[in-house]
């Protein structure tokens, strides 16, 4: 059976989605990152590999760097 390791769980603002990050250790010998986003009763689940996580993470950081603290554009 695959092993789940909880890495982080938090609420995003302003819509209060519950986001959970989990490492999935697959029996087949590889790991993925599972992102679970809960909006009231609806769940969205992504399971991504290392390369996708790096690309996505860098894109998020690049965007965050362009935003002024507290500003909406």
C-alpha atoms as a PDB file:
ATOM      1  CA  UNK A   1       0.000   0.000   0.000  1.00  0.00           C
ATOM      2  CA  UNK A   2       1.198   3.523  -0.774  1.00  0.00           C
ATOM      3  CA  UNK A   3       2.416   5.603   2.198  1.00  0.00           C
ATOM      4  CA  UNK A   4       1.155   9.172   2.755  1.00  0.00           C
ATOM      5  CA  UNK A   5       3.268  11.718   4.633  1.00  0.00           C
ATOM      6  CA  UNK A   6       1.585  15.019   5.498  1.00  0.00           C
ATOM      7  CA  UNK A   7       3.918  17.940   4.711  1.00  0.00           C
ATOM      8  CA  UNK A   8       1.750  21.011   5.288  1.00  0.00           C
ATOM      9  CA  UNK A   9      -1.863  22.075   5.682  1.00  0.00           C
ATOM     10  CA  UNK A  10      -3.121  25.662   5.597  1.00  0.00           C
ATOM     11  CA  UNK A  11      -5.975  27.971   4.586  1.00  0.00           C
ATOM     12  CA  UNK A  12      -5.538  30.227   1.587  1.00  0.00           C
ATOM     13  CA  UNK A  13      -7.018  33.694   1.538  1.00  0.00           C
ATOM     14  CA  UNK A  14      -9.311  35.363   0.595  1.00  0.00           C
ATOM     15  CA  UNK A  15     -11.575  32.372  -0.204  1.00  0.00           C
ATOM     16  CA  UNK A  16     -10.453  30.100   2.654  1.00  0.00           C
ATOM     17  CA  UNK A  17      -9.677  27.001   0.621  1.00  0.00           C
ATOM     18  CA  UNK A  18      -8.026  24.318   2.737  1.00  0.00           C
ATOM     19  CA  UNK A  19      -4.776  23.223   1.065  1.00  0.00           C
ATOM     20  CA  UNK A  20      -2.885  20.110   2.088  1.00  0.00           C
ATOM     21  CA  UNK A  21       0.451  18.921   0.696  1.00  0.00           C
ATOM     22  CA  UNK A  22       1.318  15.237   1.052  1.00  0.00           C
ATOM     23  CA  UNK A  23       4.230  13.142  -0.125  1.00  0.00           C
ATOM     24  CA  UNK A  24       3.052   9.859  -1.606  1.00  0.00           C
ATOM     25  CA  UNK A  25       5.560   6.996  -1.408  1.00  0.00           C
ATOM     26  CA  UNK A  26       4.315   4.569  -4.039  1.00  0.00           C
ATOM     27  CA  UNK A  27       4.858   0.827  -3.683  1.00  0.00           C
ATOM     28  CA  UNK A  28       6.361   0.914  -7.181  1.00  0.00           C
ATOM     29  CA  UNK A  29       9.377   2.813  -5.772  1.00  0.00           C
ATOM     30  CA  UNK A  30       8.781   6.459  -6.675  1.00  0.00           C
ATOM     31  CA  UNK A  31       7.401   9.540  -4.886  1.00  0.00           C
ATOM     32  CA  UNK A  32       4.884  12.171  -5.926  1.00  0.00           C
ATOM     33  CA  UNK A  33       3.529  15.318  -4.314  1.00  0.00           C
ATOM     34  CA  UNK A  34      -0.220  15.340  -3.746  1.00  0.00           C
ATOM     35  CA  UNK A  35      -1.975  18.697  -3.477  1.00  0.00           C
ATOM     36  CA  UNK A  36      -5.486  18.522  -2.016  1.00  0.00           C
ATOM     37  CA  UNK A  37      -7.598  21.653  -2.243  1.00  0.00           C
ATOM     38  CA  UNK A  38     -10.893  21.633  -0.370  1.00  0.00           C
ATOM     39  CA  UNK A  39     -13.579  24.192  -1.123  1.00  0.00           C
ATOM     40  CA  UNK A  40     -16.512  23.537   1.237  1.00  0.00           C
ATOM     41  CA  UNK A  41     -17.485  19.980   0.127  1.00  0.00           C
ATOM     42  CA  UNK A  42     -15.583  19.871  -3.176  1.00  0.00           C
ATOM     43  CA  UNK A  43     -12.036  18.482  -3.447  1.00  0.00           C
ATOM     44  CA  UNK A  44      -9.490  19.044  -6.203  1.00  0.00           C
ATOM     45  CA  UNK A  45      -6.493  16.719  -6.128  1.00  0.00           C
ATOM     46  CA  UNK A  46      -3.276  17.040  -8.146  1.00  0.00           C
ATOM     47  CA  UNK A  47      -0.533  14.443  -7.985  1.00  0.00           C
ATOM     48  CA  UNK A  48       2.689  15.748  -9.517  1.00  0.00           C
ATOM     49  CA  UNK A  49       6.278  14.638 -10.031  1.00  0.00           C
ATOM     50  CA  UNK A  50       9.436  16.441  -8.938  1.00  0.00           C
ATOM     51  CA  UNK A  51       9.972  18.295 -12.218  1.00  0.00           C
ATOM     52  CA  UNK A  52       6.403  19.614 -12.227  1.00  0.00           C
ATOM     53  CA  UNK A  53       6.749  20.702  -8.574  1.00  0.00           C
ATOM     54  CA  UNK A  54       9.940  22.647  -9.380  1.00  0.00           C
ATOM     55  CA  UNK A  55       8.346  24.344 -12.407  1.00  0.00           C
ATOM     56  CA  UNK A  56       5.131  25.190 -10.532  1.00  0.00           C
ATOM     57  CA  UNK A  57       7.008  26.394  -7.451  1.00  0.00           C
ATOM     58  CA  UNK A  58       9.236  28.695  -9.498  1.00  0.00           C
ATOM     59  CA  UNK A  59       6.214  30.111 -11.351  1.00  0.00           C
ATOM     60  CA  UNK A  60       4.501  30.834  -8.020  1.00  0.00           C
ATOM     61  CA  UNK A  61       7.615  32.541  -6.632  1.00  0.00           C
ATOM     62  CA  UNK A  62       8.075  34.597  -9.817  1.00  0.00           C
ATOM     63  CA  UNK A  63       4.478  35.818  -9.606  1.00  0.00           C
ATOM     64  CA  UNK A  64       4.721  36.576  -5.870  1.00  0.00           C
ATOM     65  CA  UNK A  65       7.848  38.701  -6.449  1.00  0.00           C
ATOM     66  CA  UNK A  66       5.901  40.954  -8.849  1.00  0.00           C
ATOM     67  CA  UNK A  67       3.147  41.698  -6.331  1.00  0.00           C
ATOM     68  CA  UNK A  68       3.249  44.643  -3.965  1.00  0.00           C
ATOM     69  CA  UNK A  69       2.406  43.831  -0.352  1.00  0.00           C
ATOM     70  CA  UNK A  70      -1.344  44.343   0.113  1.00  0.00           C
ATOM     71  CA  UNK A  71      -1.935  45.565  -3.466  1.00  0.00           C
ATOM     72  CA  UNK A  72      -4.494  44.118  -5.860  1.00  0.00           C
ATOM     73  CA  UNK A  73      -3.824  44.389  -9.567  1.00  0.00           C
END
